[in-house]
Amino acid sequence: MKNNIRDLREQFGFTQQDLADKVSVSRQTIISLETSKYNPSIFLAHKISKIFKLNIEEVFIFEE
Protein backbone atom coordinates (compact mmCIF):
# COMPACT_ATOMS: atom_id res chain seq x y z
CA MET A 1 0.00 0.00 0.00
CA LYS A 2 1.37 3.38 -0.97
CA ASN A 3 1.45 6.20 1.54
CA ASN A 4 2.53 9.78 2.12
CA ILE A 5 4.32 9.14 5.42
CA ARG A 6 7.79 10.27 4.35
CA ASP A 7 6.53 13.56 2.86
CA LEU A 8 4.30 14.28 5.85
CA ARG A 9 7.03 13.37 8.33
CA GLU A 10 9.44 15.74 6.62
CA GLN A 11 6.82 18.53 6.47
CA PHE A 12 6.31 18.19 10.23
CA GLY A 13 10.07 18.10 10.84
CA PHE A 14 10.03 14.62 12.38
CA THR A 15 12.82 12.10 12.08
CA GLN A 16 11.90 8.47 11.56
CA GLN A 17 12.71 7.91 15.23
CA ASP A 18 10.48 10.83 16.30
CA LEU A 19 7.51 9.36 14.46
CA ALA A 20 8.28 5.87 15.73
CA ASP A 21 8.31 7.15 19.31
CA LYS A 22 5.03 9.02 18.83
CA VAL A 23 3.20 5.91 17.61
CA SER A 24 5.07 3.39 19.82
CA VAL A 25 6.75 1.35 17.10
CA SER A 26 10.35 0.79 16.07
CA ARG A 27 12.21 3.00 13.61
CA GLN A 28 12.46 -0.09 11.39
CA THR A 29 8.65 -0.22 11.23
CA ILE A 30 8.56 3.39 10.01
CA ILE A 31 11.23 2.58 7.40
CA SER A 32 9.17 -0.42 6.23
CA LEU A 33 6.03 1.71 6.01
CA GLU A 34 7.79 4.46 4.05
CA THR A 35 9.13 1.96 1.54
CA SER A 36 5.74 0.20 1.27
CA LYS A 37 7.22 -3.08 2.50
CA TYR A 38 4.76 -3.26 5.39
CA ASN A 39 1.03 -2.57 5.56
CA PRO A 40 -0.01 -1.19 8.93
CA SER A 41 -2.84 -2.46 11.06
CA ILE A 42 -5.89 -0.21 11.07
CA PHE A 43 -4.94 0.78 14.63
CA LEU A 44 -1.44 1.91 13.58
CA ALA A 45 -2.79 3.65 10.46
CA HIS A 46 -5.22 5.55 12.69
CA LYS A 47 -2.45 6.56 15.13
CA ILE A 48 -0.23 7.82 12.31
CA SER A 49 -3.09 9.75 10.73
CA LYS A 50 -3.91 11.41 14.04
CA ILE A 51 -0.29 12.57 14.43
CA PHE A 52 -0.58 14.39 11.10
CA LYS A 53 -4.17 15.55 11.83
CA LEU A 54 -5.41 13.92 8.62
CA ASN A 55 -7.87 11.20 7.63
CA ILE A 56 -6.43 7.75 7.01
CA GLU A 57 -7.25 8.13 3.30
CA GLU A 58 -5.06 11.24 3.15
CA VAL A 59 -2.04 9.35 4.47
CA PHE A 60 -2.53 5.89 2.95
CA ILE A 61 -3.42 5.20 -0.68
CA PHE A 62 -5.54 2.09 -1.01
CA GLU A 63 -5.09 0.35 -4.34
CA GLU A 64 -7.47 -2.22 -5.77
PDB file of N, CA and C in Angstrom:
ATOM      1  N   MET A   1       0.838  -1.170   0.000  1.00  0.00           N
ATOM      2  CA  MET A   1       0.000   0.000   0.000  1.00  0.00           C
ATOM      3  C   MET A   1       0.890   1.242   0.000  1.00  0.00           C
ATOM      4  N   LYS A   2       0.598   2.142  -0.909  1.00  0.00           N
ATOM      5  CA  LYS A   2       1.374   3.377  -0.966  1.00  0.00           C
ATOM      6  C   LYS A   2       0.919   4.311   0.151  1.00  0.00           C
ATOM      7  N   ASN A   3       1.802   5.249   0.493  1.00  0.00           N
ATOM      8  CA  ASN A   3       1.451   6.205   1.538  1.00  0.00           C
ATOM      9  C   ASN A   3       2.267   7.486   1.372  1.00  0.00           C
ATOM     10  N   ASN A   4       1.873   8.470   2.141  1.00  0.00           N
ATOM     11  CA  ASN A   4       2.533   9.778   2.124  1.00  0.00           C
ATOM     12  C   ASN A   4       3.329  10.028   3.406  1.00  0.00           C
ATOM     13  N   ILE A   5       3.693   8.985   4.107  1.00  0.00           N
ATOM     14  CA  ILE A   5       4.320   9.142   5.418  1.00  0.00           C
ATOM     15  C   ILE A   5       5.625   9.929   5.339  1.00  0.00           C
ATOM     16  N   ARG A   6       6.494   9.588   4.422  1.00  0.00           N
ATOM     17  CA  ARG A   6       7.790  10.273   4.350  1.00  0.00           C
ATOM     18  C   ARG A   6       7.600  11.774   4.119  1.00  0.00           C
ATOM     19  N   ASP A   7       6.770  12.129   3.148  1.00  0.00           N
ATOM     20  CA  ASP A   7       6.530  13.555   2.858  1.00  0.00           C
ATOM     21  C   ASP A   7       5.931  14.272   4.061  1.00  0.00           C
ATOM     22  N   LEU A   8       4.944  13.656   4.687  1.00  0.00           N
ATOM     23  CA  LEU A   8       4.302  14.275   5.849  1.00  0.00           C
ATOM     24  C   LEU A   8       5.279  14.408   7.009  1.00  0.00           C
ATOM     25  N   ARG A   9       6.049  13.356   7.237  1.00  0.00           N
ATOM     26  CA  ARG A   9       7.029  13.373   8.330  1.00  0.00           C
ATOM     27  C   ARG A   9       8.016  14.514   8.129  1.00  0.00           C
ATOM     28  N   GLU A  10       8.489  14.676   6.911  1.00  0.00           N
ATOM     29  CA  GLU A  10       9.445  15.742   6.624  1.00  0.00           C
ATOM     30  C   GLU A  10       8.799  17.120   6.753  1.00  0.00           C
ATOM     31  N   GLN A  11       7.539  17.254   6.323  1.00  0.00           N
ATOM     32  CA  GLN A  11       6.820  18.530   6.470  1.00  0.00           C
ATOM     33  C   GLN A  11       6.679  18.921   7.934  1.00  0.00           C
ATOM     34  N   PHE A  12       6.473  17.927   8.805  1.00  0.00           N
ATOM     35  CA  PHE A  12       6.309  18.186  10.227  1.00  0.00           C
ATOM     36  C   PHE A  12       7.655  18.293  10.950  1.00  0.00           C
ATOM     37  N   GLY A  13       8.741  18.007  10.237  1.00  0.00           N
ATOM     38  CA  GLY A  13      10.067  18.103  10.836  1.00  0.00           C
ATOM     39  C   GLY A  13      10.410  16.952  11.765  1.00  0.00           C
ATOM     40  N   PHE A  14       9.764  15.798  11.551  1.00  0.00           N
ATOM     41  CA  PHE A  14      10.028  14.618  12.381  1.00  0.00           C
ATOM     42  C   PHE A  14      11.098  13.751  11.738  1.00  0.00           C
ATOM     43  N   THR A  15      11.938  13.161  12.559  1.00  0.00           N
ATOM     44  CA  THR A  15      12.824  12.098  12.081  1.00  0.00           C
ATOM     45  C   THR A  15      12.015  10.806  12.089  1.00  0.00           C
ATOM     46  N   GLN A  16      12.572   9.773  11.503  1.00  0.00           N
ATOM     47  CA  GLN A  16      11.900   8.468  11.561  1.00  0.00           C
ATOM     48  C   GLN A  16      11.752   8.028  13.013  1.00  0.00           C
ATOM     49  N   GLN A  17      12.766   8.287  13.821  1.00  0.00           N
ATOM     50  CA  GLN A  17      12.705   7.906  15.231  1.00  0.00           C
ATOM     51  C   GLN A  17      11.644   8.711  15.976  1.00  0.00           C
ATOM     52  N   ASP A  18      11.516  10.001  15.666  1.00  0.00           N
ATOM     53  CA  ASP A  18      10.479  10.829  16.297  1.00  0.00           C
ATOM     54  C   ASP A  18       9.100  10.237  16.056  1.00  0.00           C
ATOM     55  N   LEU A  19       8.818   9.914  14.788  1.00  0.00           N
ATOM     56  CA  LEU A  19       7.507   9.358  14.461  1.00  0.00           C
ATOM     57  C   LEU A  19       7.320   8.000  15.112  1.00  0.00           C
ATOM     58  N   ALA A  20       8.354   7.183  15.092  1.00  0.00           N
ATOM     59  CA  ALA A  20       8.282   5.865  15.726  1.00  0.00           C
ATOM     60  C   ALA A  20       7.938   6.006  17.209  1.00  0.00           C
ATOM     61  N   ASP A  21       8.579   6.936  17.886  1.00  0.00           N
ATOM     62  CA  ASP A  21       8.313   7.149  19.312  1.00  0.00           C
ATOM     63  C   ASP A  21       6.873   7.616  19.535  1.00  0.00           C
ATOM     64  N   LYS A  22       6.375   8.478  18.663  1.00  0.00           N
ATOM     65  CA  LYS A  22       5.029   9.020  18.825  1.00  0.00           C
ATOM     66  C   LYS A  22       3.949   7.953  18.661  1.00  0.00           C
ATOM     67  N   VAL A  23       4.204   6.952  17.838  1.00  0.00           N
ATOM     68  CA  VAL A  23       3.200   5.905  17.614  1.00  0.00           C
ATOM     69  C   VAL A  23       3.594   4.561  18.244  1.00  0.00           C
ATOM     70  N   SER A  24       4.646   4.571  19.042  1.00  0.00           N
ATOM     71  CA  SER A  24       5.072   3.394  19.820  1.00  0.00           C
ATOM     72  C   SER A  24       5.425   2.182  18.957  1.00  0.00           C
ATOM     73  N   VAL A  25       6.217   2.438  17.914  1.00  0.00           N
ATOM     74  CA  VAL A  25       6.750   1.347  17.103  1.00  0.00           C
ATOM     75  C   VAL A  25       8.252   1.566  16.943  1.00  0.00           C
ATOM     76  N   SER A  26       8.914   0.629  16.299  1.00  0.00           N
ATOM     77  CA  SER A  26      10.352   0.791  16.075  1.00  0.00           C
ATOM     78  C   SER A  26      10.611   1.673  14.859  1.00  0.00           C
ATOM     79  N   ARG A  27      11.792   2.221  14.784  1.00  0.00           N
ATOM     80  CA  ARG A  27      12.207   2.998  13.615  1.00  0.00           C
ATOM     81  C   ARG A  27      12.151   2.117  12.368  1.00  0.00           C
ATOM     82  N   GLN A  28      12.495   0.846  12.519  1.00  0.00           N
ATOM     83  CA  GLN A  28      12.456  -0.091  11.389  1.00  0.00           C
ATOM     84  C   GLN A  28      11.039  -0.221  10.827  1.00  0.00           C
ATOM     85  N   THR A  29      10.040  -0.163  11.692  1.00  0.00           N
ATOM     86  CA  THR A  29       8.648  -0.221  11.226  1.00  0.00           C
ATOM     87  C   THR A  29       8.338   0.999  10.365  1.00  0.00           C
ATOM     88  N   ILE A  30       8.788   2.174  10.791  1.00  0.00           N
ATOM     89  CA  ILE A  30       8.565   3.391  10.009  1.00  0.00           C
ATOM     90  C   ILE A  30       9.271   3.285   8.661  1.00  0.00           C
ATOM     91  N   ILE A  31      10.494   2.785   8.654  1.00  0.00           N
ATOM     92  CA  ILE A  31      11.228   2.582   7.398  1.00  0.00           C
ATOM     93  C   ILE A  31      10.436   1.647   6.477  1.00  0.00           C
ATOM     94  N   SER A  32       9.935   0.546   7.022  1.00  0.00           N
ATOM     95  CA  SER A  32       9.174  -0.420   6.227  1.00  0.00           C
ATOM     96  C   SER A  32       7.878   0.186   5.693  1.00  0.00           C
ATOM     97  N   LEU A  33       7.243   1.027   6.482  1.00  0.00           N
ATOM     98  CA  LEU A  33       6.033   1.706   6.012  1.00  0.00           C
ATOM     99  C   LEU A  33       6.368   2.667   4.877  1.00  0.00           C
ATOM    100  N   GLU A  34       7.410   3.467   5.061  1.00  0.00           N
ATOM    101  CA  GLU A  34       7.785   4.462   4.053  1.00  0.00           C
ATOM    102  C   GLU A  34       8.177   3.831   2.721  1.00  0.00           C
ATOM    103  N   THR A  35       8.718   2.642   2.763  1.00  0.00           N
ATOM    104  CA  THR A  35       9.134   1.963   1.535  1.00  0.00           C
ATOM    105  C   THR A  35       8.067   0.982   1.029  1.00  0.00           C
ATOM    106  N   SER A  36       6.895   1.036   1.646  1.00  0.00           N
ATOM    107  CA  SER A  36       5.740   0.196   1.265  1.00  0.00           C
ATOM    108  C   SER A  36       6.039  -1.297   1.363  1.00  0.00           C
ATOM    109  N   LYS A  37       6.918  -1.670   2.278  1.00  0.00           N
ATOM    110  CA  LYS A  37       7.224  -3.084   2.502  1.00  0.00           C
ATOM    111  C   LYS A  37       6.352  -3.678   3.604  1.00  0.00           C
ATOM    112  N   TYR A  38       5.583  -2.827   4.263  1.00  0.00           N
ATOM    113  CA  TYR A  38       4.762  -3.260   5.388  1.00  0.00           C
ATOM    114  C   TYR A  38       3.450  -2.489   5.339  1.00  0.00           C
ATOM    115  N   ASN A  39       2.339  -3.199   5.465  1.00  0.00           N
ATOM    116  CA  ASN A  39       1.032  -2.569   5.557  1.00  0.00           C
ATOM    117  C   ASN A  39       0.638  -2.509   7.031  1.00  0.00           C
ATOM    118  N   PRO A  40       0.297  -1.332   7.512  1.00  0.00           N
ATOM    119  CA  PRO A  40      -0.011  -1.187   8.929  1.00  0.00           C
ATOM    120  C   PRO A  40      -1.369  -1.770   9.287  1.00  0.00           C
ATOM    121  N   SER A  41      -1.514  -2.096  10.553  1.00  0.00           N
ATOM    122  CA  SER A  41      -2.836  -2.461  11.062  1.00  0.00           C
ATOM    123  C   SER A  41      -3.698  -1.207  11.013  1.00  0.00           C
ATOM    124  N   ILE A  42      -5.001  -1.377  11.078  1.00  0.00           N
ATOM    125  CA  ILE A  42      -5.886  -0.213  11.073  1.00  0.00           C
ATOM    126  C   ILE A  42      -5.616   0.656  12.298  1.00  0.00           C
ATOM    127  N   PHE A  43      -5.255   0.044  13.398  1.00  0.00           N
ATOM    128  CA  PHE A  43      -4.944   0.779  14.626  1.00  0.00           C
ATOM    129  C   PHE A  43      -3.717   1.673  14.415  1.00  0.00           C
ATOM    130  N   LEU A  44      -2.655   1.128  13.829  1.00  0.00           N
ATOM    131  CA  LEU A  44      -1.441   1.908  13.580  1.00  0.00           C
ATOM    132  C   LEU A  44      -1.707   2.985  12.530  1.00  0.00           C
ATOM    133  N   ALA A  45      -2.452   2.657  11.482  1.00  0.00           N
ATOM    134  CA  ALA A  45      -2.787   3.650  10.460  1.00  0.00           C
ATOM    135  C   ALA A  45      -3.549   4.816  11.085  1.00  0.00           C
ATOM    136  N   HIS A  46      -4.443   4.509  12.002  1.00  0.00           N
ATOM    137  CA  HIS A  46      -5.216   5.549  12.690  1.00  0.00           C
ATOM    138  C   HIS A  46      -4.296   6.425  13.543  1.00  0.00           C
ATOM    139  N   LYS A  47      -3.377   5.801  14.284  1.00  0.00           N
ATOM    140  CA  LYS A  47      -2.448   6.562  15.126  1.00  0.00           C
ATOM    141  C   LYS A  47      -1.577   7.499  14.290  1.00  0.00           C
ATOM    142  N   ILE A  48      -1.075   6.997  13.182  1.00  0.00           N
ATOM    143  CA  ILE A  48      -0.225   7.818  12.313  1.00  0.00           C
ATOM    144  C   ILE A  48      -1.035   8.981  11.737  1.00  0.00           C
ATOM    145  N   SER A  49      -2.233   8.698  11.291  1.00  0.00           N
ATOM    146  CA  SER A  49      -3.089   9.745  10.727  1.00  0.00           C
ATOM    147  C   SER A  49      -3.394  10.831  11.746  1.00  0.00           C
ATOM    148  N   LYS A  50      -3.622  10.438  12.982  1.00  0.00           N
ATOM    149  CA  LYS A  50      -3.907  11.406  14.044  1.00  0.00           C
ATOM    150  C   LYS A  50      -2.710  12.315  14.300  1.00  0.00           C
ATOM    151  N   ILE A  51      -1.504  11.772  14.235  1.00  0.00           N
ATOM    152  CA  ILE A  51      -0.292  12.571  14.433  1.00  0.00           C
ATOM    153  C   ILE A  51      -0.244  13.705  13.416  1.00  0.00           C
ATOM    154  N   PHE A  52      -0.631  13.398  12.173  1.00  0.00           N
ATOM    155  CA  PHE A  52      -0.584  14.385  11.104  1.00  0.00           C
ATOM    156  C   PHE A  52      -1.891  15.175  10.968  1.00  0.00           C
ATOM    157  N   LYS A  53      -2.863  14.862  11.843  1.00  0.00           N
ATOM    158  CA  LYS A  53      -4.167  15.550  11.827  1.00  0.00           C
ATOM    159  C   LYS A  53      -4.855  15.425  10.464  1.00  0.00           C
ATOM    160  N   LEU A  54      -4.802  14.215   9.911  1.00  0.00           N
ATOM    161  CA  LEU A  54      -5.414  13.920   8.620  1.00  0.00           C
ATOM    162  C   LEU A  54      -6.275  12.671   8.729  1.00  0.00           C
ATOM    163  N   ASN A  55      -7.117  12.451   7.730  1.00  0.00           N
ATOM    164  CA  ASN A  55      -7.868  11.204   7.628  1.00  0.00           C
ATOM    165  C   ASN A  55      -6.923  10.110   7.141  1.00  0.00           C
ATOM    166  N   ILE A  56      -7.247   8.879   7.446  1.00  0.00           N
ATOM    167  CA  ILE A  56      -6.429   7.745   7.011  1.00  0.00           C
ATOM    168  C   ILE A  56      -6.240   7.774   5.496  1.00  0.00           C
ATOM    169  N   GLU A  57      -7.305   8.110   4.763  1.00  0.00           N
ATOM    170  CA  GLU A  57      -7.246   8.128   3.304  1.00  0.00           C
ATOM    171  C   GLU A  57      -6.300   9.194   2.760  1.00  0.00           C
ATOM    172  N   GLU A  58      -5.987  10.202   3.575  1.00  0.00           N
ATOM    173  CA  GLU A  58      -5.065  11.244   3.147  1.00  0.00           C
ATOM    174  C   GLU A  58      -3.601  10.836   3.361  1.00  0.00           C
ATOM    175  N   VAL A  59      -3.391   9.835   4.187  1.00  0.00           N
ATOM    176  CA  VAL A  59      -2.041   9.346   4.470  1.00  0.00           C
ATOM    177  C   VAL A  59      -1.740   8.075   3.672  1.00  0.00           C
ATOM    178  N   PHE A  60      -2.721   7.185   3.604  1.00  0.00           N
ATOM    179  CA  PHE A  60      -2.531   5.888   2.945  1.00  0.00           C
ATOM    180  C   PHE A  60      -3.362   5.817   1.665  1.00  0.00           C
ATOM    181  N   ILE A  61      -2.753   5.305   0.610  1.00  0.00           N
ATOM    182  CA  ILE A  61      -3.417   5.198  -0.683  1.00  0.00           C
ATOM    183  C   ILE A  61      -3.777   3.745  -0.913  1.00  0.00           C
ATOM    184  N   PHE A  62      -5.066   3.449  -0.824  1.00  0.00           N
ATOM    185  CA  PHE A  62      -5.542   2.091  -1.008  1.00  0.00           C
ATOM    186  C   PHE A  62      -5.661   1.815  -2.490  1.00  0.00           C
ATOM    187  N   GLU A  63      -5.051   0.740  -2.932  1.00  0.00           N
ATOM    188  CA  GLU A  63      -5.092   0.354  -4.338  1.00  0.00           C
ATOM    189  C   GLU A  63      -5.871  -0.937  -4.478  1.00  0.00           C
ATOM    190  N   GLU A  64      -6.678  -1.013  -5.505  1.00  0.00           N
ATOM    191  CA  GLU A  64      -7.469  -2.219  -5.765  1.00  0.00           C
ATOM    192  C   GLU A  64      -6.583  -3.310  -6.332  1.00  0.00           C
TER     193      GLU A  64
END
